[in-house]
Protein backbone atom coordinates (compact mmCIF):
# COMPACT_ATOMS: atom_id res chain seq x y z
CA MET A 1 -96.39 114.03 142.05
CA ARG A 2 -98.40 110.75 141.55
CA ASN A 3 -102.00 109.86 142.23
CA ARG A 4 -104.11 107.15 143.04
CA TYR A 5 -105.40 106.61 139.61
CA GLY A 6 -101.93 105.28 138.41
CA SER A 7 -98.54 106.76 137.39
CA VAL A 8 -99.90 109.89 135.25
CA PRO A 9 -98.34 113.15 136.67
CA ILE A 10 -101.03 115.53 137.72
CA ARG A 11 -100.37 118.05 135.41
CA ALA A 12 -99.89 115.73 132.29
CA VAL A 13 -103.34 116.49 131.61
CA SER A 14 -103.42 120.32 131.92
CA THR A 15 -100.47 120.58 129.72
CA ALA A 16 -101.91 118.58 126.90
CA ARG A 17 -103.74 120.21 124.05
CA LEU A 18 -104.01 117.48 121.55
CA MET A 19 -102.54 114.23 122.27
CA ASP A 20 -102.82 111.20 119.85
CA ASP A 21 -99.83 109.21 121.57
CA PRO A 22 -99.76 108.31 125.35
CA PRO A 23 -97.68 110.66 127.46
CA ASP A 24 -94.34 109.51 128.91
CA ALA A 25 -96.03 108.27 131.89
CA GLY A 26 -97.68 105.45 129.98
CA VAL A 27 -101.28 105.99 130.48
CA PRO A 28 -103.21 107.98 127.49
CA VAL A 29 -104.75 111.23 128.02
CA ARG A 30 -106.29 112.55 124.89
CA ARG A 31 -107.73 115.99 124.49
CA LEU A 32 -110.56 116.64 121.81
CA ASP A 33 -110.42 120.20 120.93
CA SER A 34 -112.60 121.88 118.00
CA ARG A 35 -111.58 124.86 116.40
CA ARG A 36 -114.90 125.99 115.71
CA THR A 37 -115.85 125.31 119.30
CA LEU A 38 -118.85 123.75 120.61
CA ALA A 39 -122.60 123.47 121.59
CA GLY A 40 -123.91 123.22 124.87
CA MET A 41 -124.31 124.52 128.40
CA THR A 42 -122.35 122.65 130.74
CA TYR A 43 -119.50 121.07 132.33
CA SER A 44 -119.14 117.44 133.91
CA ILE A 45 -116.96 114.60 135.06
CA VAL A 46 -117.67 111.04 135.09
CA ALA A 47 -115.66 108.88 137.07
CA LEU A 48 -114.53 105.57 138.49
CA ASP A 49 -113.23 105.42 142.06
CA PRO A 50 -110.48 102.46 141.62
CA ALA A 51 -110.52 102.00 145.39
CA THR A 52 -114.08 101.17 145.69
CA GLY A 53 -115.33 100.30 142.24
CA ASP A 54 -118.14 103.43 142.89
CA LEU A 55 -119.02 105.32 139.75
CA GLY A 56 -120.08 108.96 139.81
CA VAL A 57 -121.10 111.85 137.74
CA ALA A 58 -120.80 115.37 138.91
CA VAL A 59 -122.16 118.51 136.90
CA GLN A 60 -122.73 122.15 136.82
CA SER A 61 -124.66 124.32 134.44
CA LYS A 62 -126.32 127.61 133.73
CA PHE A 63 -129.42 125.48 133.10
CA LEU A 64 -132.55 124.52 135.53
CA ALA A 65 -132.16 121.29 137.27
CA VAL A 66 -129.33 119.83 135.27
CA GLY A 67 -129.49 117.00 137.50
CA ALA A 68 -132.65 115.92 135.56
CA VAL A 69 -130.82 115.56 132.20
CA VAL A 70 -127.13 115.16 132.31
CA PRO A 71 -125.98 112.30 134.57
CA TRP A 72 -126.76 108.64 134.41
CA ALA A 73 -124.88 105.56 136.15
CA GLN A 74 -125.38 102.21 136.90
CA ALA A 75 -123.35 100.08 139.66
CA GLY A 76 -120.79 97.49 138.12
CA VAL A 77 -121.74 99.14 134.90
CA GLY A 78 -120.66 102.50 133.87
CA ALA A 79 -121.45 106.36 134.41
CA VAL A 80 -122.59 108.94 131.47
CA ALA A 81 -122.91 112.62 131.06
CA THR A 82 -125.01 113.75 128.33
CA GLN A 83 -125.12 117.41 127.37
CA SER A 84 -125.32 120.24 124.79
CA PHE A 85 -128.51 119.86 123.28
CA ALA A 86 -128.66 116.72 125.42
CA ASN A 87 -129.77 113.57 124.00
CA VAL A 88 -131.20 111.70 127.05
CA THR A 89 -131.34 108.60 125.02
CA TYR A 90 -127.44 108.58 125.55
CA GLY A 91 -127.87 107.47 129.33
CA PRO A 92 -129.88 104.38 129.12
CA GLY A 93 -128.31 103.52 125.73
CA ALA A 94 -124.92 103.58 127.01
CA LEU A 95 -125.67 101.68 129.94
CA SER A 96 -127.20 98.93 128.27
CA ARG A 97 -124.68 98.68 125.83
CA MET A 98 -121.72 98.46 128.55
CA ALA A 99 -123.90 96.01 130.47
CA SER A 100 -123.86 93.63 127.46
CA GLY A 101 -120.27 94.04 127.29
CA MET A 102 -118.98 96.93 125.21
CA SER A 103 -116.41 99.40 126.45
CA ALA A 104 -117.05 103.13 127.12
CA SER A 105 -115.38 103.98 123.67
CA GLN A 106 -117.25 101.37 121.68
CA ALA A 107 -120.68 102.39 123.37
CA LEU A 108 -120.07 106.27 122.72
CA GLU A 109 -119.04 105.55 119.10
CA ARG A 110 -122.36 103.49 118.53
CA LEU A 111 -124.51 106.39 119.98
CA VAL A 112 -122.66 109.13 118.22
CA GLY A 113 -122.72 107.35 114.80
CA ALA A 114 -126.53 106.70 114.78
CA ASP A 115 -127.09 110.39 116.04
CA ARG A 116 -128.00 112.87 113.20
CA LEU A 117 -127.30 115.75 115.26
CA ARG A 118 -124.01 114.37 116.55
CA ALA A 119 -122.27 117.58 115.65
CA GLN A 120 -124.34 119.37 118.27
CA ARG A 121 -123.97 116.73 121.05
CA GLN A 122 -121.16 116.56 123.94
CA ALA A 123 -120.91 113.13 125.99
CA GLY A 124 -118.65 111.64 128.32
CA ILE A 125 -118.49 107.83 129.49
CA VAL A 126 -116.68 105.96 131.72
CA ASP A 127 -116.84 101.94 132.06
CA ALA A 128 -116.59 99.93 135.26
CA HIS A 129 -113.03 98.71 134.03
CA GLY A 130 -112.09 102.41 134.02
CA GLY A 131 -112.34 102.82 130.04
CA ALA A 132 -113.28 106.38 129.29
CA ALA A 133 -114.30 108.11 126.12
CA THR A 134 -115.64 111.87 125.31
CA HIS A 135 -117.04 113.36 122.34
CA THR A 136 -117.59 116.92 121.55
CA GLY A 137 -119.37 118.04 118.42
CA SER A 138 -117.81 120.39 115.68
CA GLU A 139 -121.07 122.48 116.31
CA CYS A 140 -120.87 123.26 119.92
CA PHE A 141 -120.35 126.46 121.46
CA ALA A 142 -117.13 127.89 122.41
CA TRP A 143 -115.24 127.10 124.31
CA ALA A 144 -115.91 123.41 124.33
CA GLY A 145 -113.85 120.32 124.39
CA GLY A 146 -112.83 117.17 126.59
CA LEU A 147 -110.31 114.83 127.71
CA THR A 148 -109.94 111.63 129.22
CA GLY A 149 -107.43 109.88 131.35
CA PRO A 150 -107.35 106.69 133.42
CA GLY A 151 -111.00 105.96 134.80
CA PHE A 152 -112.47 109.58 134.00
CA ALA A 153 -113.89 111.67 131.20
CA ALA A 154 -114.23 115.64 131.56
CA GLN A 155 -115.85 117.84 129.14
CA GLY A 156 -117.67 121.15 129.03
CA ASN A 157 -119.17 123.80 126.44
CA ILE A 158 -119.80 127.36 126.62
CA LEU A 159 -116.73 127.69 128.94
CA ALA A 160 -114.18 130.24 129.77
CA GLY A 161 -111.50 128.25 128.23
CA ALA A 162 -109.77 124.96 128.33
CA ALA A 163 -108.57 125.51 132.00
CA VAL A 164 -112.19 124.77 132.93
CA VAL A 165 -111.92 121.13 131.86
CA ASP A 166 -108.19 120.98 132.97
CA GLY A 167 -109.59 121.95 136.45
CA LEU A 168 -111.98 119.02 136.55
CA ALA A 169 -109.10 116.51 135.49
CA ASP A 170 -106.39 118.09 137.88
CA THR A 171 -108.49 117.86 140.87
CA LEU A 172 -109.71 114.39 140.19
CA LEU A 173 -106.05 113.07 139.70
CA GLY A 174 -104.96 114.94 142.79
CA GLY A 175 -107.11 113.15 144.81
CA GLY A 176 -106.89 113.35 148.60
CA ARG A 177 -110.71 113.30 149.51
CA PRO A 178 -113.46 110.75 149.62
CA PHE A 179 -114.67 110.02 146.12
CA PRO A 180 -118.11 111.88 146.26
CA GLU A 181 -116.21 115.05 148.04
CA LEU A 182 -113.46 114.77 145.28
CA LEU A 183 -116.12 115.19 142.55
CA VAL A 184 -117.61 118.15 144.23
CA ALA A 185 -114.21 119.48 144.52
CA CYS A 186 -113.65 118.97 140.91
CA LEU A 187 -116.73 121.17 139.93
CA ALA A 188 -115.47 123.80 142.34
CA ALA A 189 -111.86 123.94 140.50
CA ALA A 190 -113.64 124.29 136.98
CA ASP A 191 -115.87 127.09 138.57
CA ALA A 192 -112.77 128.60 139.63
CA ALA A 193 -111.11 128.46 136.36
CA GLY A 194 -113.88 130.57 135.04
CA GLY A 195 -116.76 127.71 134.62
CA ASP A 196 -119.89 128.30 132.33
CA ARG A 197 -119.53 131.68 130.64
CA ARG A 198 -123.24 132.30 131.24
CA GLY A 199 -122.98 131.83 134.83
CA ARG A 200 -124.39 129.38 137.36
CA GLU A 201 -127.84 127.85 138.05
CA SER A 202 -127.86 124.14 138.85
CA ALA A 203 -125.27 121.39 139.80
CA ALA A 204 -125.76 117.88 140.63
CA LEU A 205 -123.79 114.65 142.34
CA LEU A 206 -124.65 111.18 141.25
CA VAL A 207 -122.54 108.31 142.66
CA VAL A 208 -123.64 104.38 142.46
CA ARG A 209 -122.71 101.52 144.28
CA ALA A 210 -124.15 98.10 144.48
CA GLY A 211 -126.66 97.90 147.23
CA GLY A 212 -125.81 101.35 148.41
CA GLY A 213 -129.07 103.07 147.98
CA TYR A 214 -131.36 103.58 150.92
CA GLY A 215 -132.25 100.37 152.84
CA GLY A 216 -129.84 98.61 150.20
CA GLY A 217 -132.71 98.42 147.80
CA ASN A 218 -131.09 99.86 144.83
CA ASP A 219 -127.60 101.29 143.52
CA ARG A 220 -128.39 105.09 144.30
CA TRP A 221 -125.86 105.76 146.89
CA ILE A 222 -125.69 109.54 146.63
CA ASP A 223 -128.15 111.52 144.15
CA LEU A 224 -128.31 114.99 145.00
CA ARG A 225 -129.65 117.97 142.95
CA VAL A 226 -129.42 121.52 143.26
CA ASP A 227 -132.21 122.87 140.85
CA ALA A 228 -131.70 126.73 140.90
CA HIS A 229 -129.28 128.65 143.23
CA ASP A 230 -126.87 131.44 143.30
CA ASP A 231 -124.00 129.16 144.43
CA PRO A 232 -125.12 125.88 143.14
CA ILE A 233 -121.69 123.85 143.64
CA GLY A 234 -121.43 125.32 147.32
CA GLU A 235 -125.04 124.23 147.99
CA LEU A 236 -124.33 120.88 146.63
CA ALA A 237 -121.17 120.33 148.96
CA ARG A 238 -123.54 121.52 151.93
CA LEU A 239 -126.33 118.79 150.94
CA LEU A 240 -123.52 116.13 150.63
CA ASP A 241 -122.36 117.09 154.18
CA LEU A 242 -126.06 116.54 155.31
CA GLN A 243 -126.24 113.35 153.45
CA ARG A 244 -123.08 112.13 155.31
CA LEU A 245 -124.79 113.49 158.51
CA TYR A 246 -128.15 111.82 158.34
CA LEU A 247 -127.40 108.62 156.36
CA ASP A 248 -123.55 107.50 157.33
CA ARG A 249 -123.12 105.42 160.34
CA PRO A 250 -120.22 105.98 162.73
CA ALA A 251 -117.52 103.36 163.28
CA ALA A 252 -117.67 102.02 166.58
CA SER A 253 -114.00 103.88 167.42
CA GLU A 254 -115.67 107.06 166.87
CA LEU A 255 -118.19 106.69 169.67
CA LEU A 256 -117.86 108.58 173.13
CA ARG A 257 -118.59 106.71 176.15
CA VAL A 258 -121.52 108.14 178.30
CA ASP A 259 -120.10 108.84 181.71
CA GLU A 260 -121.68 110.77 184.49
CA ALA A 261 -120.34 114.26 183.27
CA LEU A 262 -121.32 113.75 179.60
CA ALA A 263 -125.05 112.19 180.95
CA THR A 264 -125.19 115.40 183.14
CA ASP A 265 -124.61 117.56 180.04
CA MET A 266 -126.90 115.53 177.64
CA ARG A 267 -129.87 115.60 180.09
CA ALA A 268 -129.53 119.32 180.24
CA LEU A 269 -129.18 119.85 176.44
CA LEU A 270 -132.39 117.46 175.72
CA ALA A 271 -134.37 119.41 178.47
CA ARG A 272 -133.69 122.61 176.87
CA ILE A 273 -135.25 121.37 173.38
CA GLY A 274 -138.35 119.74 175.30
CA ALA A 275 -136.83 116.24 174.66
CA GLU A 276 -136.59 115.07 177.98
CA PRO A 277 -138.42 111.80 179.28
CA GLY A 278 -142.12 112.68 178.53
CA GLY A 279 -141.38 115.41 176.26
CA LYS A 280 -142.82 116.58 173.03
CA PHE A 281 -140.83 113.95 170.93
CA GLY A 282 -141.80 110.91 172.54
CA ASN A 283 -145.31 110.66 170.80
CA VAL A 284 -144.20 111.54 167.24
CA TYR A 285 -144.18 108.07 165.64
CA GLN A 286 -147.18 106.33 166.33
CA PRO A 287 -148.95 103.43 164.38
CA MET A 288 -152.17 104.29 162.59
CA GLY A 289 -154.93 103.99 164.85
CA ALA A 290 -152.70 104.26 168.02
CA GLN A 291 -154.65 107.60 169.35
CA ASP A 292 -157.69 105.29 169.61
CA ALA A 293 -156.04 102.81 171.95
CA GLY A 294 -158.33 102.64 175.02
CA SER A 295 -161.32 104.23 173.55
CA GLY A 296 -163.46 101.19 173.55
CA ASP A 297 -163.24 100.76 169.93
CA ALA A 298 -161.66 98.05 167.80
CA ALA A 299 -158.21 97.37 169.28
CA ALA A 300 -155.59 99.73 167.89
CA PRO A 301 -152.24 98.42 166.35
CA THR A 302 -149.25 98.84 168.95
CA ALA A 303 -145.79 100.02 167.98
CA PRO A 304 -143.31 97.13 167.17
CA THR A 305 -140.90 96.46 170.05
CA ASP A 306 -138.43 94.31 168.27
CA SER A 307 -135.55 96.54 167.39
CA ALA A 308 -133.37 93.79 165.81
CA ASP A 309 -133.24 95.37 162.44
CA ARG A 310 -132.79 98.82 163.72
CA PRO A 311 -129.31 100.37 162.97
CA MET A 312 -126.97 100.65 166.19
CA THR A 313 -123.37 100.96 166.27
CA GLY A 314 -121.28 99.61 169.23
CA THR A 315 -122.01 96.97 172.08
CA PRO A 316 -123.95 98.12 175.08
CA ALA A 317 -122.02 99.31 178.16
CA ALA A 318 -123.27 100.05 181.65
CA LEU A 319 -125.10 103.35 181.91
CA PRO A 320 -124.14 105.81 184.77
CA SER A 321 -126.09 106.38 187.78
CA ASN A 322 -127.65 109.64 186.30
CA TRP A 323 -128.46 107.94 182.66
CA ASP A 324 -131.09 105.47 182.60
CA GLU A 325 -133.21 103.70 179.98
CA ALA A 326 -135.91 106.54 179.98
CA TRP A 327 -133.18 109.00 179.09
CA GLN A 328 -131.69 106.75 176.39
CA GLN A 329 -135.26 106.31 175.00
CA ALA A 330 -135.63 110.03 174.93
CA LEU A 331 -132.26 110.76 173.17
CA GLU A 332 -133.42 108.05 170.67
CA ASP A 333 -136.78 109.66 170.01
CA TRP A 334 -135.22 112.93 169.58
CA MET A 335 -132.83 111.55 167.18
CA GLY A 336 -135.79 109.83 165.22
CA VAL A 337 -137.32 113.14 164.83
CA ALA A 338 -133.86 114.80 163.80
CA ASN A 339 -133.21 112.22 161.13
CA LEU A 340 -130.26 110.97 162.76
CA GLU A 341 -131.77 107.39 163.53
CA GLU A 342 -128.60 105.88 161.35
CA ARG A 343 -126.07 107.22 163.94
CA THR A 344 -128.05 105.41 166.82
CA ALA A 345 -125.30 104.18 169.24
CA ALA A 346 -125.74 101.29 171.51
CA PRO A 347 -126.66 102.36 175.15
CA GLY A 348 -123.93 103.83 177.19
CA TRP A 349 -122.16 105.71 173.90
CA ILE A 350 -123.22 108.22 171.81
CA ASP A 351 -121.86 109.63 168.38
CA PRO A 352 -119.79 112.92 168.52
CA ARG A 353 -121.65 114.10 165.54
CA VAL A 354 -124.97 113.50 167.30
CA LEU A 355 -123.64 115.46 170.27
CA ALA A 356 -122.60 118.25 168.32
CA VAL A 357 -126.00 118.54 166.62
CA LEU A 358 -127.90 118.27 170.10
CA ARG A 359 -125.49 121.12 171.49
CA SER A 360 -126.34 123.19 168.44
CA LYS A 361 -130.03 122.98 168.56
CA ALA A 362 -129.90 123.30 172.35
CA GLY A 363 -127.95 126.58 171.84
CA GLY A 364 -130.32 128.05 169.62
CA ALA A 365 -133.56 127.00 171.72
């Protein structure tokens, strides 16, 4: 079986134990396996999505708020996981070195070489060109080790065994999911292989892309953290699904045309949750001082009417006879309160995921 990262067979990683030479497929996969085994509390994967250039880190640990310590990434530069008595300077240090032209291997070599506690550290780095490096110090706690392949580094310590790291790598190489979901699936596979020997507590997912942050203002496309939970990976997957719901925009081809039958259904659903025209959602968003309008005091600011910059998918279509501008506005008012405004469709259309949420809310009303 082949994978989207190149010609490495999926099992090439899991069957390797110490590989100083490239496998037959021609892509080097190297395992670092200490006999004393190793120091830390975590397993992680850092990776490049070759299809988009996105860079990401996924991590799980029996440690509070692991997302505040382990993952670091910068779009167009690289991604870093620093763990096992984590030296958090590895994050910005590696990114600055890669931004100046060093490869992942060169950056990690410089950082480890200057660290007097290198024997206790573990780290994985991938650069924007797909170069990867991993380090596991000789004093990390058993089982600990790491491996690299095309566009990724996987590592962990205090693990049930080598199969945990194999699960990270094999799942990534298997592909079959969008990149963020694939990274979470890597964590789930590692957990199924035994995971952290101490148990579960926190997990995190960081994925960066240029201009991918909220409003396009930074590169932090996905930055989700589960700080303390009995099932941190499952909760991380749930949060990722919510991020997709709230912040992804639908494709125009996915939209449903609002005909008279659908409009009748939508009116009933909105009325059931108090979101009809003139309902409780229409006055939620008001500029400061708007409540004072007409009181005789200084003129109050009015709500902006220019919607040119508001997200909207599709081209407006003729409205059915039982769905007018007042009902359209009522729908959009409710969507704003429900954090679904990124999924606003042009009048005459509705995103099916919005309709599903509306039906769910009305069913519990």
